[in-house]
Amino acid sequence: MLKVTLLDVPRDVENQTVKTVLEQYGKVEEVKRHHLMKPGMEHITVNRVSVKMTREEGKELPTTIFGLGSSTRGEDISMWRVTYPGAPGRCYRCGANSHLARDCRRPALTMKQVEKMPAIGDQVQQ
């Protein structure tokens, strides 16, 4: 069982949508939204989603998924960061796999540049 964390998933994207997206890479057992931990604010969801899944043989999870955007913010697409044990390191600033964003000295890529780069982001079917 693989424990996957998705970051930057818009709060108005449904759990079923997250499940449908990740089922392209294997069998999804559970999708769980995170909430604020402050007393009295536990009902507020955040942009972090935990998923328990089994990867399909020969399918590698990407470190970035271009998924459904926030309808409340007028976005058609958004970039979901994907982390899991053993995931390859990826700089979300410049796209290199030789360092992490906190150590990056390169200029940040634009979304259009990132979408064109192979193996960084997968455009998924919703």
C-alpha atoms as a PDB file:
ATOM      1  CA  MET A   1       0.000   0.000   0.000  1.00  0.00           C
ATOM      2  CA  LEU A   2       1.418   3.363  -1.063  1.00  0.00           C
ATOM      3  CA  LYS A   3       0.636   6.519   0.915  1.00  0.00           C
ATOM      4  CA  VAL A   4       0.476   9.459  -1.481  1.00  0.00           C
ATOM      5  CA  THR A   5       0.104  13.122  -0.533  1.00  0.00           C
ATOM      6  CA  LEU A   6      -1.236  15.616  -3.046  1.00  0.00           C
ATOM      7  CA  LEU A   7      -0.472  19.280  -2.402  1.00  0.00           C
ATOM      8  CA  ASP A   8      -2.130  22.331  -3.955  1.00  0.00           C
ATOM      9  CA  VAL A   9      -5.370  20.528  -4.859  1.00  0.00           C
ATOM     10  CA  PRO A  10      -8.079  23.220  -4.952  1.00  0.00           C
ATOM     11  CA  ARG A  11     -10.526  22.876  -2.078  1.00  0.00           C
ATOM     12  CA  ASP A  12     -13.531  22.687  -4.397  1.00  0.00           C
ATOM     13  CA  VAL A  13     -12.169  19.634  -6.266  1.00  0.00           C
ATOM     14  CA  GLU A  14     -14.187  16.617  -5.077  1.00  0.00           C
ATOM     15  CA  ASN A  15     -12.583  13.497  -3.572  1.00  0.00           C
ATOM     16  CA  GLN A  16     -14.160  11.431  -6.358  1.00  0.00           C
ATOM     17  CA  THR A  17     -12.303  13.554  -8.929  1.00  0.00           C
ATOM     18  CA  VAL A  18      -9.005  12.990  -7.104  1.00  0.00           C
ATOM     19  CA  LYS A  19      -9.752   9.247  -7.050  1.00  0.00           C
ATOM     20  CA  THR A  20     -10.554   9.197 -10.780  1.00  0.00           C
ATOM     21  CA  VAL A  21      -7.304  11.004 -11.599  1.00  0.00           C
ATOM     22  CA  LEU A  22      -5.119   8.673  -9.507  1.00  0.00           C
ATOM     23  CA  GLU A  23      -6.846   5.506 -10.728  1.00  0.00           C
ATOM     24  CA  GLN A  24      -4.912   6.054 -13.959  1.00  0.00           C
ATOM     25  CA  TYR A  25      -1.858   4.888 -11.965  1.00  0.00           C
ATOM     26  CA  GLY A  26      -3.361   2.086  -9.851  1.00  0.00           C
ATOM     27  CA  LYS A  27      -6.105   1.041  -7.429  1.00  0.00           C
ATOM     28  CA  VAL A  28      -7.180   3.776  -5.015  1.00  0.00           C
ATOM     29  CA  GLU A  29      -8.342   2.538  -1.612  1.00  0.00           C
ATOM     30  CA  GLU A  30      -8.949   5.822   0.223  1.00  0.00           C
ATOM     31  CA  VAL A  31      -9.003   9.571  -0.432  1.00  0.00           C
ATOM     32  CA  LYS A  32      -8.922  11.837   2.608  1.00  0.00           C
ATOM     33  CA  ARG A  33      -9.056  15.643   2.700  1.00  0.00           C
ATOM     34  CA  HIS A  34      -7.090  17.477   5.363  1.00  0.00           C
ATOM     35  CA  HIS A  35      -8.713  20.134   7.528  1.00  0.00           C
ATOM     36  CA  LEU A  36      -7.494  22.989   9.705  1.00  0.00           C
ATOM     37  CA  MET A  37      -6.500  21.796  13.172  1.00  0.00           C
ATOM     38  CA  LYS A  38      -7.423  24.979  15.067  1.00  0.00           C
ATOM     39  CA  PRO A  39     -10.283  24.546  17.536  1.00  0.00           C
ATOM     40  CA  GLY A  40     -13.525  25.703  15.960  1.00  0.00           C
ATOM     41  CA  MET A  41     -12.046  25.615  12.434  1.00  0.00           C
ATOM     42  CA  GLU A  42     -11.930  21.838  11.869  1.00  0.00           C
ATOM     43  CA  HIS A  43     -14.664  22.096   9.219  1.00  0.00           C
ATOM     44  CA  ILE A  44     -12.401  24.110   6.872  1.00  0.00           C
ATOM     45  CA  THR A  45     -10.609  22.006   4.254  1.00  0.00           C
ATOM     46  CA  VAL A  46      -7.112  22.781   3.014  1.00  0.00           C
ATOM     47  CA  ASN A  47      -5.324  22.059  -0.281  1.00  0.00           C
ATOM     48  CA  ARG A  48      -3.752  18.803   0.956  1.00  0.00           C
ATOM     49  CA  VAL A  49      -5.168  15.353   0.170  1.00  0.00           C
ATOM     50  CA  SER A  50      -3.948  11.960   1.433  1.00  0.00           C
ATOM     51  CA  VAL A  51      -4.484   8.891  -0.737  1.00  0.00           C
ATOM     52  CA  LYS A  52      -3.888   5.209  -0.020  1.00  0.00           C
ATOM     53  CA  MET A  53      -3.378   3.248  -3.207  1.00  0.00           C
ATOM     54  CA  THR A  54      -1.639   0.336  -4.871  1.00  0.00           C
ATOM     55  CA  ARG A  55       0.358   1.261  -7.958  1.00  0.00           C
ATOM     56  CA  GLU A  56      -0.304  -0.648 -11.156  1.00  0.00           C
ATOM     57  CA  GLU A  57       2.665  -2.669 -12.396  1.00  0.00           C
ATOM     58  CA  GLY A  58       4.746  -0.594 -14.808  1.00  0.00           C
ATOM     59  CA  LYS A  59       2.979   2.707 -14.040  1.00  0.00           C
ATOM     60  CA  GLU A  60       5.057   5.394 -12.346  1.00  0.00           C
ATOM     61  CA  LEU A  61       3.358   8.195 -10.447  1.00  0.00           C
ATOM     62  CA  PRO A  62       4.437  11.626 -11.690  1.00  0.00           C
ATOM     63  CA  THR A  63       5.728  14.235  -9.238  1.00  0.00           C
ATOM     64  CA  THR A  64       3.336  16.774 -10.731  1.00  0.00           C
ATOM     65  CA  ILE A  65      -0.178  16.301 -12.073  1.00  0.00           C
ATOM     66  CA  PHE A  66      -1.990  18.969 -14.017  1.00  0.00           C
ATOM     67  CA  GLY A  67      -5.475  18.428 -12.648  1.00  0.00           C
ATOM     68  CA  LEU A  68      -8.788  20.131 -12.448  1.00  0.00           C
ATOM     69  CA  GLY A  69      -8.533  23.755 -11.352  1.00  0.00           C
ATOM     70  CA  SER A  70     -10.678  25.732  -8.951  1.00  0.00           C
ATOM     71  CA  SER A  71     -14.058  26.687 -10.380  1.00  0.00           C
ATOM     72  CA  THR A  72     -14.486  29.339  -7.683  1.00  0.00           C
ATOM     73  CA  ARG A  73     -11.251  31.021  -8.805  1.00  0.00           C
ATOM     74  CA  GLY A  74     -11.975  30.563 -12.524  1.00  0.00           C
ATOM     75  CA  GLU A  75      -9.088  28.138 -13.152  1.00  0.00           C
ATOM     76  CA  ASP A  76      -9.440  25.437 -15.775  1.00  0.00           C
ATOM     77  CA  ILE A  77      -6.317  23.626 -14.633  1.00  0.00           C
ATOM     78  CA  SER A  78      -4.013  23.598 -11.610  1.00  0.00           C
ATOM     79  CA  MET A  79      -0.706  21.958 -10.735  1.00  0.00           C
ATOM     80  CA  TRP A  80      -0.947  19.293  -8.017  1.00  0.00           C
ATOM     81  CA  ARG A  81       2.349  18.334  -6.384  1.00  0.00           C
ATOM     82  CA  VAL A  82       2.649  14.599  -5.656  1.00  0.00           C
ATOM     83  CA  THR A  83       4.786  13.170  -2.861  1.00  0.00           C
ATOM     84  CA  TYR A  84       5.200   9.596  -1.652  1.00  0.00           C
ATOM     85  CA  PRO A  85       7.965   7.464  -0.117  1.00  0.00           C
ATOM     86  CA  GLY A  86      10.638   6.905  -2.745  1.00  0.00           C
ATOM     87  CA  ALA A  87       9.353   9.651  -5.057  1.00  0.00           C
ATOM     88  CA  PRO A  88      12.094  11.213  -7.162  1.00  0.00           C
ATOM     89  CA  GLY A  89      13.220  14.645  -6.002  1.00  0.00           C
ATOM     90  CA  ARG A  90      11.961  17.490  -8.140  1.00  0.00           C
ATOM     91  CA  CYS A  91      12.538  21.233  -7.976  1.00  0.00           C
ATOM     92  CA  TYR A  92       9.124  22.848  -8.325  1.00  0.00           C
ATOM     93  CA  ARG A  93      10.801  26.154  -9.161  1.00  0.00           C
ATOM     94  CA  CYS A  94      12.932  25.271 -12.211  1.00  0.00           C
ATOM     95  CA  GLY A  95      11.928  21.671 -12.986  1.00  0.00           C
ATOM     96  CA  ALA A  96      15.331  20.035 -12.442  1.00  0.00           C
ATOM     97  CA  ASN A  97      15.588  16.711 -10.637  1.00  0.00           C
ATOM     98  CA  SER A  98      19.039  17.475  -9.237  1.00  0.00           C
ATOM     99  CA  HIS A  99      17.888  19.621  -6.294  1.00  0.00           C
ATOM    100  CA  LEU A 100      14.817  20.841  -4.374  1.00  0.00           C
ATOM    101  CA  ALA A 101      13.130  24.242  -4.647  1.00  0.00           C
ATOM    102  CA  ARG A 102      14.529  25.441  -1.310  1.00  0.00           C
ATOM    103  CA  ASP A 103      18.050  25.103  -2.776  1.00  0.00           C
ATOM    104  CA  CYS A 104      17.240  26.515  -6.232  1.00  0.00           C
ATOM    105  CA  ARG A 105      19.205  29.451  -7.654  1.00  0.00           C
ATOM    106  CA  ARG A 106      17.680  29.288 -11.154  1.00  0.00           C
ATOM    107  CA  PRO A 107      14.848  31.470 -12.441  1.00  0.00           C
ATOM    108  CA  ALA A 108      11.371  30.078 -11.926  1.00  0.00           C
ATOM    109  CA  LEU A 109       9.626  28.470 -14.877  1.00  0.00           C
ATOM    110  CA  THR A 110       6.302  29.732 -16.122  1.00  0.00           C
ATOM    111  CA  MET A 111       3.325  27.359 -16.222  1.00  0.00           C
ATOM    112  CA  LYS A 112       3.507  27.276 -20.037  1.00  0.00           C
ATOM    113  CA  GLN A 113       7.164  26.153 -19.860  1.00  0.00           C
ATOM    114  CA  VAL A 114       6.387  23.464 -17.288  1.00  0.00           C
ATOM    115  CA  GLU A 115       3.490  22.029 -19.297  1.00  0.00           C
ATOM    116  CA  LYS A 116       5.795  21.499 -22.297  1.00  0.00           C
ATOM    117  CA  MET A 117       8.491  19.629 -20.370  1.00  0.00           C
ATOM    118  CA  PRO A 118       8.340  15.813 -20.580  1.00  0.00           C
ATOM    119  CA  ALA A 119       8.121  13.797 -17.350  1.00  0.00           C
ATOM    120  CA  ILE A 120       7.365  16.782 -15.133  1.00  0.00           C
ATOM    121  CA  GLY A 121       3.651  17.065 -15.454  1.00  0.00           C
ATOM    122  CA  ASP A 122       1.040  14.715 -16.787  1.00  0.00           C
ATOM    123  CA  GLN A 123      -2.155  16.184 -18.160  1.00  0.00           C
ATOM    124  CA  VAL A 124      -4.756  13.777 -16.847  1.00  0.00           C
ATOM    125  CA  GLN A 125      -8.227  12.879 -17.968  1.00  0.00           C
ATOM    126  CA  GLN A 126     -10.922  14.055 -15.574  1.00  0.00           C
END
